[in-house]
Amino acid sequence: MALRYIPMPDEDAERLRGGGLDAYGNQPERRISDGAGVPCRHCLRNVDSGKPYLVLAYRPFASVQAYAETGPIFVHADDCSAHDGHALPPILASSKEYLLRGYASDDRIVYGTGGVIAAERLTERAEELLARTDVAYVHVRSAKYNCYQCRIEIA
């Protein structure tokens, strides 16, 4: 099964970099990366040491509803190219484990799909979930902090 790793949309990244408000109506905070654990949700690469990034609340859902989780993420403060979607993103190789969760086409969690898995099983588990008829897409989240990383769909 071919997978597509979907980053934050260009429109969201551009809006936030241009002074737009985050999901809670706040200005994103500007910080300087120390080079450790600062994954950009647009290019899906880590922000290099000494480079600026934004910290903000992000809701990776089209509408506000009970299952539309909002949480903290990082984005390069300067322009970066969105991940192409084809290869496993570099940020998904920087931890030992991740939380994967399946969602239905109505953006509701499909119960029984969530769980922490070893990084080396990420692709295998995403394929298992996406093979189900009730799962439209998968979210990858940090196993430690529950922060949204990216979305996975069938290519």
N, C-alpha and C. Protein backbone atom coordinates (compact mmCIF):
# COMPACT_ATOMS: atom_id res chain seq x y z
N MET A 1 0.85 -1.18 0.00
CA MET A 1 0.00 0.00 0.00
C MET A 1 0.89 1.24 0.00
N ALA A 2 0.65 2.14 -0.92
CA ALA A 2 1.41 3.40 -0.96
C ALA A 2 0.75 4.41 -0.02
N LEU A 3 1.57 5.04 0.80
CA LEU A 3 1.07 6.02 1.77
C LEU A 3 1.48 7.42 1.36
N ARG A 4 0.68 8.38 1.79
CA ARG A 4 0.99 9.79 1.58
C ARG A 4 1.02 10.46 2.96
N TYR A 5 2.13 11.13 3.27
CA TYR A 5 2.32 11.82 4.54
C TYR A 5 1.99 13.29 4.31
N ILE A 6 0.93 13.76 4.93
CA ILE A 6 0.40 15.08 4.63
C ILE A 6 0.80 16.09 5.72
N PRO A 7 1.54 17.13 5.30
CA PRO A 7 1.96 18.16 6.25
C PRO A 7 0.87 19.21 6.45
N MET A 8 1.15 20.16 7.32
CA MET A 8 0.30 21.34 7.46
C MET A 8 0.17 21.98 6.07
N PRO A 9 -1.04 22.38 5.68
CA PRO A 9 -1.22 23.01 4.37
C PRO A 9 -0.42 24.31 4.23
N ASP A 10 0.02 24.59 3.01
CA ASP A 10 0.77 25.82 2.72
C ASP A 10 0.03 27.05 3.22
N GLU A 11 -1.29 27.08 3.01
CA GLU A 11 -2.09 28.25 3.40
C GLU A 11 -2.00 28.52 4.89
N ASP A 12 -2.03 27.46 5.69
CA ASP A 12 -1.93 27.62 7.15
C ASP A 12 -0.55 28.15 7.54
N ALA A 13 0.50 27.56 6.96
CA ALA A 13 1.87 27.98 7.29
C ALA A 13 2.08 29.44 6.90
N GLU A 14 1.64 29.82 5.71
CA GLU A 14 1.81 31.20 5.24
C GLU A 14 1.04 32.19 6.10
N ARG A 15 -0.18 31.83 6.47
CA ARG A 15 -1.00 32.70 7.31
C ARG A 15 -0.36 32.92 8.66
N LEU A 16 0.13 31.86 9.27
CA LEU A 16 0.76 31.96 10.60
C LEU A 16 2.07 32.74 10.55
N ARG A 17 2.86 32.51 9.52
CA ARG A 17 4.12 33.26 9.37
C ARG A 17 3.87 34.73 9.09
N GLY A 18 2.72 35.02 8.49
CA GLY A 18 2.37 36.40 8.15
C GLY A 18 1.68 37.15 9.28
N GLY A 19 1.65 36.57 10.46
CA GLY A 19 1.05 37.25 11.61
C GLY A 19 -0.35 36.78 11.96
N GLY A 20 -0.83 35.74 11.26
CA GLY A 20 -2.16 35.20 11.57
C GLY A 20 -2.21 34.57 12.95
N LEU A 21 -3.41 34.47 13.48
CA LEU A 21 -3.62 33.93 14.81
C LEU A 21 -3.71 32.41 14.79
N ASP A 22 -3.34 31.80 15.92
CA ASP A 22 -3.41 30.34 16.02
C ASP A 22 -4.83 29.89 16.35
N ALA A 23 -5.01 28.62 16.62
CA ALA A 23 -6.33 28.04 16.87
C ALA A 23 -7.02 28.62 18.11
N TYR A 24 -6.25 29.23 19.00
CA TYR A 24 -6.82 29.84 20.19
C TYR A 24 -6.94 31.35 20.08
N GLY A 25 -6.63 31.88 18.89
CA GLY A 25 -6.74 33.32 18.68
C GLY A 25 -5.54 34.12 19.17
N ASN A 26 -4.42 33.42 19.40
CA ASN A 26 -3.20 34.07 19.87
C ASN A 26 -2.18 34.21 18.76
N GLN A 27 -1.30 35.19 18.91
CA GLN A 27 -0.16 35.32 18.00
C GLN A 27 0.81 34.17 18.31
N PRO A 28 1.34 33.50 17.28
CA PRO A 28 2.35 32.48 17.54
C PRO A 28 3.57 33.10 18.23
N GLU A 29 4.19 32.34 19.10
CA GLU A 29 5.41 32.77 19.79
C GLU A 29 6.61 32.49 18.89
N ARG A 30 7.54 33.40 18.85
CA ARG A 30 8.76 33.22 18.05
C ARG A 30 9.89 32.80 18.98
N ARG A 31 10.58 31.72 18.63
CA ARG A 31 11.70 31.19 19.42
C ARG A 31 12.86 30.87 18.50
N ILE A 32 14.01 30.55 19.11
CA ILE A 32 15.19 30.12 18.37
C ILE A 32 15.47 28.67 18.75
N SER A 33 15.64 27.83 17.74
CA SER A 33 15.84 26.40 17.97
C SER A 33 17.20 26.10 18.58
N ASP A 34 17.20 25.14 19.49
CA ASP A 34 18.46 24.63 20.02
C ASP A 34 18.90 23.39 19.23
N GLY A 35 18.08 23.05 18.22
CA GLY A 35 18.42 21.93 17.35
C GLY A 35 17.93 20.58 17.82
N ALA A 36 17.28 20.54 18.96
CA ALA A 36 16.81 19.26 19.50
C ALA A 36 15.30 19.26 19.69
N GLY A 37 14.62 18.39 19.00
CA GLY A 37 13.19 18.20 19.23
C GLY A 37 12.31 19.35 18.82
N VAL A 38 12.57 19.97 17.67
CA VAL A 38 11.73 21.06 17.18
C VAL A 38 11.25 20.68 15.77
N PRO A 39 10.25 19.80 15.68
CA PRO A 39 9.79 19.33 14.37
C PRO A 39 8.79 20.30 13.71
N CYS A 40 9.14 20.78 12.53
CA CYS A 40 8.26 21.66 11.76
C CYS A 40 7.16 20.82 11.12
N ARG A 41 5.90 21.23 11.31
CA ARG A 41 4.78 20.47 10.77
C ARG A 41 4.46 20.82 9.32
N HIS A 42 5.25 21.70 8.71
CA HIS A 42 5.05 22.05 7.31
C HIS A 42 6.02 21.28 6.41
N CYS A 43 7.31 21.36 6.69
CA CYS A 43 8.30 20.63 5.88
C CYS A 43 8.55 19.22 6.43
N LEU A 44 8.10 18.99 7.65
CA LEU A 44 8.26 17.73 8.37
C LEU A 44 9.73 17.36 8.58
N ARG A 45 10.55 18.42 8.77
CA ARG A 45 11.95 18.28 9.16
C ARG A 45 12.14 19.04 10.47
N ASN A 46 13.20 18.72 11.19
CA ASN A 46 13.50 19.47 12.41
C ASN A 46 14.06 20.84 12.07
N VAL A 47 13.77 21.81 12.91
CA VAL A 47 14.31 23.16 12.77
C VAL A 47 15.75 23.13 13.27
N ASP A 48 16.67 23.54 12.40
CA ASP A 48 18.10 23.52 12.75
C ASP A 48 18.41 24.47 13.89
N SER A 49 19.46 24.15 14.62
CA SER A 49 19.93 24.99 15.71
C SER A 49 20.22 26.40 15.22
N GLY A 50 19.76 27.39 15.99
CA GLY A 50 19.98 28.79 15.67
C GLY A 50 18.95 29.39 14.74
N LYS A 51 18.05 28.58 14.22
CA LYS A 51 17.02 29.06 13.29
C LYS A 51 15.74 29.39 14.05
N PRO A 52 15.00 30.41 13.59
CA PRO A 52 13.76 30.78 14.27
C PRO A 52 12.60 29.84 13.92
N TYR A 53 11.72 29.67 14.88
CA TYR A 53 10.51 28.88 14.66
C TYR A 53 9.37 29.50 15.44
N LEU A 54 8.16 29.09 15.11
CA LEU A 54 6.96 29.55 15.79
C LEU A 54 6.38 28.42 16.63
N VAL A 55 5.87 28.77 17.79
CA VAL A 55 5.14 27.85 18.66
C VAL A 55 3.70 28.33 18.67
N LEU A 56 2.76 27.43 18.41
CA LEU A 56 1.37 27.85 18.30
C LEU A 56 0.42 26.70 18.57
N ALA A 57 -0.83 27.05 18.82
CA ALA A 57 -1.88 26.05 18.97
C ALA A 57 -2.44 25.75 17.59
N TYR A 58 -2.56 24.46 17.27
CA TYR A 58 -3.00 24.05 15.94
C TYR A 58 -4.11 23.01 16.06
N ARG A 59 -5.10 23.16 15.22
CA ARG A 59 -6.21 22.20 15.14
C ARG A 59 -6.24 21.66 13.71
N PRO A 60 -5.76 20.43 13.49
CA PRO A 60 -5.67 19.89 12.13
C PRO A 60 -7.00 19.32 11.61
N PHE A 61 -8.06 20.03 11.84
CA PHE A 61 -9.40 19.62 11.40
C PHE A 61 -10.09 20.82 10.76
N ALA A 62 -10.98 20.56 9.83
CA ALA A 62 -11.68 21.63 9.11
C ALA A 62 -12.72 22.33 9.98
N SER A 63 -13.29 21.62 10.94
CA SER A 63 -14.34 22.22 11.76
C SER A 63 -14.06 22.00 13.24
N VAL A 64 -14.72 22.81 14.04
CA VAL A 64 -14.63 22.66 15.49
C VAL A 64 -15.73 21.69 15.91
N GLN A 65 -15.32 20.60 16.51
CA GLN A 65 -16.27 19.59 17.00
C GLN A 65 -15.57 18.81 18.11
N ALA A 66 -16.27 17.94 18.77
CA ALA A 66 -15.76 17.28 19.97
C ALA A 66 -14.44 16.54 19.78
N TYR A 67 -14.20 15.99 18.59
CA TYR A 67 -12.99 15.20 18.35
C TYR A 67 -11.87 16.00 17.70
N ALA A 68 -12.09 17.28 17.47
CA ALA A 68 -11.10 18.13 16.81
C ALA A 68 -10.09 18.65 17.83
N GLU A 69 -9.13 17.81 18.16
CA GLU A 69 -8.13 18.18 19.16
C GLU A 69 -7.26 19.35 18.69
N THR A 70 -6.92 20.18 19.63
CA THR A 70 -6.03 21.31 19.40
C THR A 70 -4.84 21.15 20.33
N GLY A 71 -3.65 21.44 19.81
CA GLY A 71 -2.47 21.32 20.66
C GLY A 71 -1.30 22.11 20.13
N PRO A 72 -0.21 22.12 20.88
CA PRO A 72 0.96 22.90 20.50
C PRO A 72 1.75 22.21 19.39
N ILE A 73 2.24 23.03 18.44
CA ILE A 73 3.13 22.55 17.39
C ILE A 73 4.19 23.60 17.11
N PHE A 74 5.16 23.23 16.29
CA PHE A 74 6.22 24.12 15.83
C PHE A 74 6.17 24.23 14.31
N VAL A 75 6.56 25.40 13.82
CA VAL A 75 6.67 25.64 12.37
C VAL A 75 7.87 26.56 12.16
N HIS A 76 8.65 26.31 11.10
CA HIS A 76 9.73 27.24 10.76
C HIS A 76 9.15 28.65 10.68
N ALA A 77 9.83 29.62 11.26
CA ALA A 77 9.38 31.01 11.17
C ALA A 77 9.61 31.57 9.77
N ASP A 78 10.61 31.05 9.09
CA ASP A 78 10.89 31.46 7.71
C ASP A 78 10.31 30.42 6.76
N ASP A 79 10.16 30.80 5.50
CA ASP A 79 9.60 29.89 4.51
C ASP A 79 10.36 28.58 4.45
N CYS A 80 9.61 27.51 4.29
CA CYS A 80 10.17 26.19 4.02
C CYS A 80 9.20 25.50 3.07
N SER A 81 9.70 24.57 2.31
CA SER A 81 8.86 23.85 1.35
C SER A 81 8.12 22.74 2.07
N ALA A 82 6.85 22.60 1.76
CA ALA A 82 6.05 21.53 2.35
C ALA A 82 6.63 20.17 1.98
N HIS A 83 6.52 19.24 2.87
CA HIS A 83 6.94 17.86 2.60
C HIS A 83 6.19 17.37 1.37
N ASP A 84 6.86 16.62 0.51
CA ASP A 84 6.25 16.16 -0.74
C ASP A 84 5.24 15.05 -0.55
N GLY A 85 5.18 14.46 0.64
CA GLY A 85 4.18 13.46 0.94
C GLY A 85 4.57 12.04 0.62
N HIS A 86 5.64 11.83 -0.12
CA HIS A 86 5.96 10.48 -0.58
C HIS A 86 6.81 9.67 0.37
N ALA A 87 7.90 10.20 0.83
CA ALA A 87 8.82 9.46 1.70
C ALA A 87 8.44 9.66 3.17
N LEU A 88 8.89 8.73 4.00
CA LEU A 88 8.67 8.88 5.43
C LEU A 88 9.34 10.18 5.88
N PRO A 89 8.59 11.09 6.50
CA PRO A 89 9.17 12.37 6.91
C PRO A 89 10.28 12.21 7.94
N PRO A 90 11.31 13.05 7.83
CA PRO A 90 12.42 12.98 8.80
C PRO A 90 11.97 13.10 10.26
N ILE A 91 10.92 13.88 10.53
CA ILE A 91 10.50 14.03 11.93
C ILE A 91 9.92 12.74 12.50
N LEU A 92 9.57 11.79 11.63
CA LEU A 92 9.02 10.52 12.12
C LEU A 92 10.12 9.48 12.33
N ALA A 93 11.35 9.92 12.29
CA ALA A 93 12.48 9.05 12.58
C ALA A 93 13.28 9.58 13.77
N SER A 94 12.68 10.51 14.51
CA SER A 94 13.42 11.15 15.59
C SER A 94 12.98 10.70 16.98
N SER A 95 12.05 9.77 17.04
CA SER A 95 11.58 9.28 18.33
C SER A 95 11.53 7.75 18.29
N LYS A 96 11.49 7.14 19.44
CA LYS A 96 11.42 5.68 19.51
C LYS A 96 10.02 5.14 19.30
N GLU A 97 9.01 5.99 19.56
CA GLU A 97 7.63 5.54 19.42
C GLU A 97 6.71 6.71 19.14
N TYR A 98 5.54 6.38 18.58
CA TYR A 98 4.54 7.38 18.20
C TYR A 98 3.15 6.86 18.54
N LEU A 99 2.23 7.79 18.68
CA LEU A 99 0.83 7.46 18.85
C LEU A 99 0.16 7.56 17.48
N LEU A 100 -0.48 6.50 17.03
CA LEU A 100 -1.26 6.52 15.79
C LEU A 100 -2.72 6.36 16.16
N ARG A 101 -3.57 7.08 15.42
CA ARG A 101 -5.01 7.04 15.68
C ARG A 101 -5.75 7.17 14.36
N GLY A 102 -6.73 6.29 14.15
CA GLY A 102 -7.54 6.34 12.93
C GLY A 102 -8.75 7.23 13.09
N TYR A 103 -9.11 7.91 12.00
CA TYR A 103 -10.28 8.78 11.96
C TYR A 103 -11.20 8.38 10.81
N ALA A 104 -12.49 8.53 11.03
CA ALA A 104 -13.49 8.27 9.98
C ALA A 104 -13.59 9.50 9.08
N SER A 105 -14.31 9.38 8.00
CA SER A 105 -14.46 10.49 7.05
C SER A 105 -15.17 11.69 7.66
N ASP A 106 -15.88 11.50 8.78
CA ASP A 106 -16.54 12.63 9.46
C ASP A 106 -15.64 13.25 10.53
N ASP A 107 -14.35 12.93 10.50
CA ASP A 107 -13.34 13.47 11.42
C ASP A 107 -13.52 13.05 12.86
N ARG A 108 -14.18 11.92 13.07
CA ARG A 108 -14.34 11.38 14.42
C ARG A 108 -13.34 10.25 14.61
N ILE A 109 -12.81 10.11 15.82
CA ILE A 109 -11.90 9.01 16.14
C ILE A 109 -12.64 7.69 15.96
N VAL A 110 -11.98 6.73 15.33
CA VAL A 110 -12.52 5.38 15.24
C VAL A 110 -11.99 4.64 16.45
N TYR A 111 -12.89 4.33 17.38
CA TYR A 111 -12.48 3.70 18.63
C TYR A 111 -11.79 2.37 18.37
N GLY A 112 -10.77 2.11 19.17
CA GLY A 112 -9.99 0.89 19.04
C GLY A 112 -8.80 1.03 18.11
N THR A 113 -8.63 2.20 17.48
CA THR A 113 -7.51 2.37 16.54
C THR A 113 -6.31 3.04 17.18
N GLY A 114 -6.48 3.69 18.29
CA GLY A 114 -5.39 4.45 18.89
C GLY A 114 -4.43 3.57 19.66
N GLY A 115 -3.15 3.91 19.57
CA GLY A 115 -2.17 3.18 20.34
C GLY A 115 -0.76 3.65 20.06
N VAL A 116 0.11 3.46 21.04
CA VAL A 116 1.51 3.81 20.90
C VAL A 116 2.22 2.62 20.26
N ILE A 117 3.01 2.92 19.21
CA ILE A 117 3.73 1.87 18.50
C ILE A 117 5.20 2.27 18.34
N ALA A 118 6.05 1.29 18.19
CA ALA A 118 7.48 1.54 17.96
C ALA A 118 7.65 2.22 16.61
N ALA A 119 8.62 3.11 16.51
CA ALA A 119 8.86 3.87 15.28
C ALA A 119 9.05 2.95 14.07
N GLU A 120 9.72 1.83 14.26
CA GLU A 120 9.95 0.92 13.13
C GLU A 120 8.67 0.23 12.64
N ARG A 121 7.59 0.32 13.41
CA ARG A 121 6.30 -0.26 13.00
C ARG A 121 5.31 0.78 12.51
N LEU A 122 5.73 2.05 12.45
CA LEU A 122 4.81 3.13 12.09
C LEU A 122 4.13 2.89 10.74
N THR A 123 4.89 2.59 9.70
CA THR A 123 4.32 2.38 8.37
C THR A 123 3.40 1.16 8.37
N GLU A 124 3.84 0.09 8.98
CA GLU A 124 3.05 -1.14 9.03
C GLU A 124 1.70 -0.89 9.73
N ARG A 125 1.73 -0.20 10.86
CA ARG A 125 0.50 0.07 11.60
C ARG A 125 -0.42 1.02 10.84
N ALA A 126 0.14 2.03 10.19
CA ALA A 126 -0.67 2.95 9.38
C ALA A 126 -1.37 2.17 8.26
N GLU A 127 -0.66 1.26 7.62
CA GLU A 127 -1.26 0.44 6.56
C GLU A 127 -2.38 -0.43 7.10
N GLU A 128 -2.18 -1.02 8.28
CA GLU A 128 -3.22 -1.84 8.91
C GLU A 128 -4.48 -1.02 9.15
N LEU A 129 -4.30 0.18 9.70
CA LEU A 129 -5.45 1.03 9.99
C LEU A 129 -6.15 1.48 8.72
N LEU A 130 -5.37 1.88 7.72
CA LEU A 130 -5.97 2.39 6.47
C LEU A 130 -6.60 1.29 5.63
N ALA A 131 -6.30 0.04 5.92
CA ALA A 131 -6.94 -1.07 5.23
C ALA A 131 -8.38 -1.28 5.73
N ARG A 132 -8.70 -0.70 6.85
CA ARG A 132 -10.05 -0.81 7.40
C ARG A 132 -11.01 0.10 6.62
N THR A 133 -12.22 -0.35 6.41
CA THR A 133 -13.19 0.45 5.66
C THR A 133 -13.72 1.63 6.46
N ASP A 134 -13.59 1.57 7.79
CA ASP A 134 -14.10 2.67 8.62
C ASP A 134 -13.05 3.74 8.91
N VAL A 135 -11.82 3.57 8.45
CA VAL A 135 -10.75 4.54 8.68
C VAL A 135 -10.43 5.28 7.38
N ALA A 136 -10.60 6.60 7.40
CA ALA A 136 -10.33 7.44 6.22
C ALA A 136 -8.89 7.96 6.22
N TYR A 137 -8.35 8.21 7.41
CA TYR A 137 -6.99 8.73 7.53
C TYR A 137 -6.48 8.46 8.94
N VAL A 138 -5.18 8.65 9.12
CA VAL A 138 -4.51 8.40 10.39
C VAL A 138 -3.76 9.65 10.81
N HIS A 139 -3.81 9.96 12.08
CA HIS A 139 -2.95 11.01 12.64
C HIS A 139 -1.79 10.34 13.35
N VAL A 140 -0.62 10.95 13.18
CA VAL A 140 0.57 10.56 13.94
C VAL A 140 0.78 11.65 14.97
N ARG A 141 0.96 11.23 16.21
CA ARG A 141 1.17 12.17 17.31
C ARG A 141 2.36 11.71 18.14
N SER A 142 2.91 12.64 18.87
CA SER A 142 3.99 12.32 19.80
C SER A 142 3.48 11.38 20.87
N ALA A 143 4.22 10.32 21.13
CA ALA A 143 3.82 9.37 22.18
C ALA A 143 3.97 9.99 23.57
N LYS A 144 4.91 10.92 23.73
CA LYS A 144 5.16 11.52 25.04
C LYS A 144 4.22 12.69 25.34
N TYR A 145 3.97 13.53 24.35
CA TYR A 145 3.24 14.77 24.61
C TYR A 145 1.91 14.89 23.86
N ASN A 146 1.60 13.93 23.00
CA ASN A 146 0.36 13.89 22.23
C ASN A 146 0.30 15.00 21.16
N CYS A 147 1.43 15.63 20.84
CA CYS A 147 1.44 16.70 19.83
C CYS A 147 1.26 16.11 18.44
N TYR A 148 0.43 16.76 17.65
CA TYR A 148 0.19 16.37 16.27
C TYR A 148 1.47 16.45 15.45
N GLN A 149 1.75 15.41 14.65
CA GLN A 149 2.92 15.40 13.78
C GLN A 149 2.52 15.57 12.31
N CYS A 150 1.66 14.67 11.82
CA CYS A 150 1.18 14.76 10.45
C CYS A 150 0.01 13.80 10.26
N ARG A 151 -0.55 13.85 9.07
CA ARG A 151 -1.67 12.99 8.69
C ARG A 151 -1.15 12.00 7.65
N ILE A 152 -1.69 10.78 7.68
CA ILE A 152 -1.33 9.77 6.70
C ILE A 152 -2.61 9.31 5.99
N GLU A 153 -2.55 9.22 4.68
CA GLU A 153 -3.64 8.71 3.85
C GLU A 153 -3.09 7.71 2.85
N ILE A 154 -3.97 6.99 2.20
CA ILE A 154 -3.57 6.13 1.10
C ILE A 154 -3.29 7.04 -0.09
N ALA A 155 -2.14 6.80 -0.74
CA ALA A 155 -1.74 7.63 -1.89
C ALA A 155 -2.62 7.34 -3.11
